[in-house]
Amino acid sequence: MKLDRAAARALLLESYAAAVAAADPLKIVAGFLPPPHAAGRTLVVGAGKAAASMALAVERAYAGRARIEGLVVTRYAHGLPDQSHPT
């Protein structure tokens, strides 16, 4: 199968987008977490470029089911966008 330049570019861009989406911590992390503890707290500690996204995935997975505390350090400009609290 021979692709012209535009078709080859489209295939590469779609493949790249699929690979990035498959590595999204918000889609992956929850499947590897243990059930939340009935009592006590869940301590999250992380470091690295993906640490902020992974910590957010833990927060979302345990939302309303566990008390979460911790510290996550990431590289400059690799954090999550600032968000305001809902009113």
C-alpha atoms as a PDB file:
ATOM      1  CA  MET A   1       0.000   0.000   0.000  1.00  0.00           C
ATOM      2  CA  LYS A   2       1.522   3.279  -1.083  1.00  0.00           C
ATOM      3  CA  LEU A   3       0.418   6.527   0.558  1.00  0.00           C
ATOM      4  CA  ASP A   4       0.777   9.965  -0.904  1.00  0.00           C
ATOM      5  CA  ARG A   5       2.466  12.603   1.240  1.00  0.00           C
ATOM      6  CA  ALA A   6      -0.782  14.030   2.673  1.00  0.00           C
ATOM      7  CA  ALA A   7      -2.154  10.591   3.557  1.00  0.00           C
ATOM      8  CA  ALA A   8       1.141   9.575   5.185  1.00  0.00           C
ATOM      9  CA  ARG A   9       1.177  12.788   7.229  1.00  0.00           C
ATOM     10  CA  ALA A  10      -2.428  12.252   8.329  1.00  0.00           C
ATOM     11  CA  LEU A  11      -1.649   8.660   9.343  1.00  0.00           C
ATOM     12  CA  LEU A  12       1.364   9.755  11.400  1.00  0.00           C
ATOM     13  CA  LEU A  13      -0.573  12.561  13.124  1.00  0.00           C
ATOM     14  CA  GLU A  14      -3.478  10.234  13.958  1.00  0.00           C
ATOM     15  CA  SER A  15      -1.050   7.603  15.276  1.00  0.00           C
ATOM     16  CA  TYR A  16       0.710  10.187  17.439  1.00  0.00           C
ATOM     17  CA  ALA A  17      -2.594  11.491  18.831  1.00  0.00           C
ATOM     18  CA  ALA A  18      -3.715   7.935  19.644  1.00  0.00           C
ATOM     19  CA  ALA A  19      -0.434   7.194  21.448  1.00  0.00           C
ATOM     20  CA  VAL A  20      -0.653  10.384  23.521  1.00  0.00           C
ATOM     21  CA  ALA A  21      -4.297   9.671  24.415  1.00  0.00           C
ATOM     22  CA  ALA A  22      -3.430   6.103  25.442  1.00  0.00           C
ATOM     23  CA  ALA A  23      -0.821   7.436  27.888  1.00  0.00           C
ATOM     24  CA  ASP A  24      -3.209   9.895  29.587  1.00  0.00           C
ATOM     25  CA  PRO A  25      -2.905   9.400  33.375  1.00  0.00           C
ATOM     26  CA  LEU A  26      -6.556  10.389  33.817  1.00  0.00           C
ATOM     27  CA  LYS A  27      -7.506   7.296  31.794  1.00  0.00           C
ATOM     28  CA  ILE A  28      -4.891   4.881  33.142  1.00  0.00           C
ATOM     29  CA  VAL A  29      -4.182   5.481  36.845  1.00  0.00           C
ATOM     30  CA  ALA A  30      -7.614   4.653  38.307  1.00  0.00           C
ATOM     31  CA  GLY A  31      -7.396   1.056  37.082  1.00  0.00           C
ATOM     32  CA  PHE A  32      -4.266   0.463  39.163  1.00  0.00           C
ATOM     33  CA  LEU A  33      -5.424   1.975  42.464  1.00  0.00           C
ATOM     34  CA  PRO A  34      -6.437  -0.179  45.419  1.00  0.00           C
ATOM     35  CA  PRO A  35      -9.860   0.368  46.966  1.00  0.00           C
ATOM     36  CA  PRO A  36      -9.843   3.375  49.309  1.00  0.00           C
ATOM     37  CA  HIS A  37      -9.382   2.703  53.016  1.00  0.00           C
ATOM     38  CA  ALA A  38     -12.589   2.843  55.036  1.00  0.00           C
ATOM     39  CA  ALA A  39     -10.844   4.802  57.785  1.00  0.00           C
ATOM     40  CA  GLY A  40      -7.780   6.992  57.795  1.00  0.00           C
ATOM     41  CA  ARG A  41      -6.284   8.832  54.892  1.00  0.00           C
ATOM     42  CA  THR A  42      -4.699   8.231  51.535  1.00  0.00           C
ATOM     43  CA  LEU A  43      -1.272   9.812  51.225  1.00  0.00           C
ATOM     44  CA  VAL A  44      -0.139  10.775  47.726  1.00  0.00           C
ATOM     45  CA  VAL A  45       3.524  11.599  47.119  1.00  0.00           C
ATOM     46  CA  GLY A  46       4.884  12.180  43.645  1.00  0.00           C
ATOM     47  CA  ALA A  47       7.610  13.799  41.593  1.00  0.00           C
ATOM     48  CA  GLY A  48       8.238  14.223  37.897  1.00  0.00           C
ATOM     49  CA  LYS A  49       6.731  15.702  34.763  1.00  0.00           C
ATOM     50  CA  ALA A  50       3.544  13.593  34.904  1.00  0.00           C
ATOM     51  CA  ALA A  51       3.152  13.744  38.690  1.00  0.00           C
ATOM     52  CA  ALA A  52       0.518  16.491  38.699  1.00  0.00           C
ATOM     53  CA  SER A  53      -1.711  14.675  36.210  1.00  0.00           C
ATOM     54  CA  MET A  54      -1.295  11.393  38.063  1.00  0.00           C
ATOM     55  CA  ALA A  55      -2.182  13.019  41.394  1.00  0.00           C
ATOM     56  CA  LEU A  56      -5.272  14.544  39.795  1.00  0.00           C
ATOM     57  CA  ALA A  57      -6.253  11.083  38.569  1.00  0.00           C
ATOM     58  CA  VAL A  58      -5.988   9.773  42.154  1.00  0.00           C
ATOM     59  CA  GLU A  59      -8.109  12.665  43.434  1.00  0.00           C
ATOM     60  CA  ARG A  60     -10.805  12.002  40.852  1.00  0.00           C
ATOM     61  CA  ALA A  61     -10.786   8.240  41.409  1.00  0.00           C
ATOM     62  CA  TYR A  62     -11.217   8.618  45.178  1.00  0.00           C
ATOM     63  CA  ALA A  63     -13.507  11.689  45.083  1.00  0.00           C
ATOM     64  CA  GLY A  64     -15.903  11.522  48.012  1.00  0.00           C
ATOM     65  CA  ARG A  65     -14.609   8.099  49.075  1.00  0.00           C
ATOM     66  CA  ALA A  66     -11.295   8.894  50.770  1.00  0.00           C
ATOM     67  CA  ARG A  67      -9.480  11.688  52.562  1.00  0.00           C
ATOM     68  CA  ILE A  68      -6.495  12.513  50.364  1.00  0.00           C
ATOM     69  CA  GLU A  69      -3.377  14.369  51.455  1.00  0.00           C
ATOM     70  CA  GLY A  70       0.077  14.667  50.009  1.00  0.00           C
ATOM     71  CA  LEU A  71       2.766  16.519  48.155  1.00  0.00           C
ATOM     72  CA  VAL A  72       3.512  16.419  44.449  1.00  0.00           C
ATOM     73  CA  VAL A  73       6.485  18.175  42.852  1.00  0.00           C
ATOM     74  CA  THR A  74       6.732  18.639  39.110  1.00  0.00           C
ATOM     75  CA  ARG A  75       8.953  20.526  36.708  1.00  0.00           C
ATOM     76  CA  TYR A  76       8.295  24.150  35.902  1.00  0.00           C
ATOM     77  CA  ALA A  77       5.511  24.485  33.314  1.00  0.00           C
ATOM     78  CA  HIS A  78       4.490  20.821  33.667  1.00  0.00           C
ATOM     79  CA  GLY A  79       1.786  21.361  36.288  1.00  0.00           C
ATOM     80  CA  LEU A  80      -1.934  21.630  35.790  1.00  0.00           C
ATOM     81  CA  PRO A  81      -3.608  24.847  34.701  1.00  0.00           C
ATOM     82  CA  ASP A  82      -4.783  26.998  37.612  1.00  0.00           C
ATOM     83  CA  GLN A  83      -8.461  26.575  38.328  1.00  0.00           C
ATOM     84  CA  SER A  84     -10.822  28.472  40.550  1.00  0.00           C
ATOM     85  CA  HIS A  85     -13.045  26.788  43.079  1.00  0.00           C
ATOM     86  CA  PRO A  86     -16.706  26.501  42.159  1.00  0.00           C
ATOM     87  CA  THR A  87     -19.026  28.755  44.128  1.00  0.00           C
END
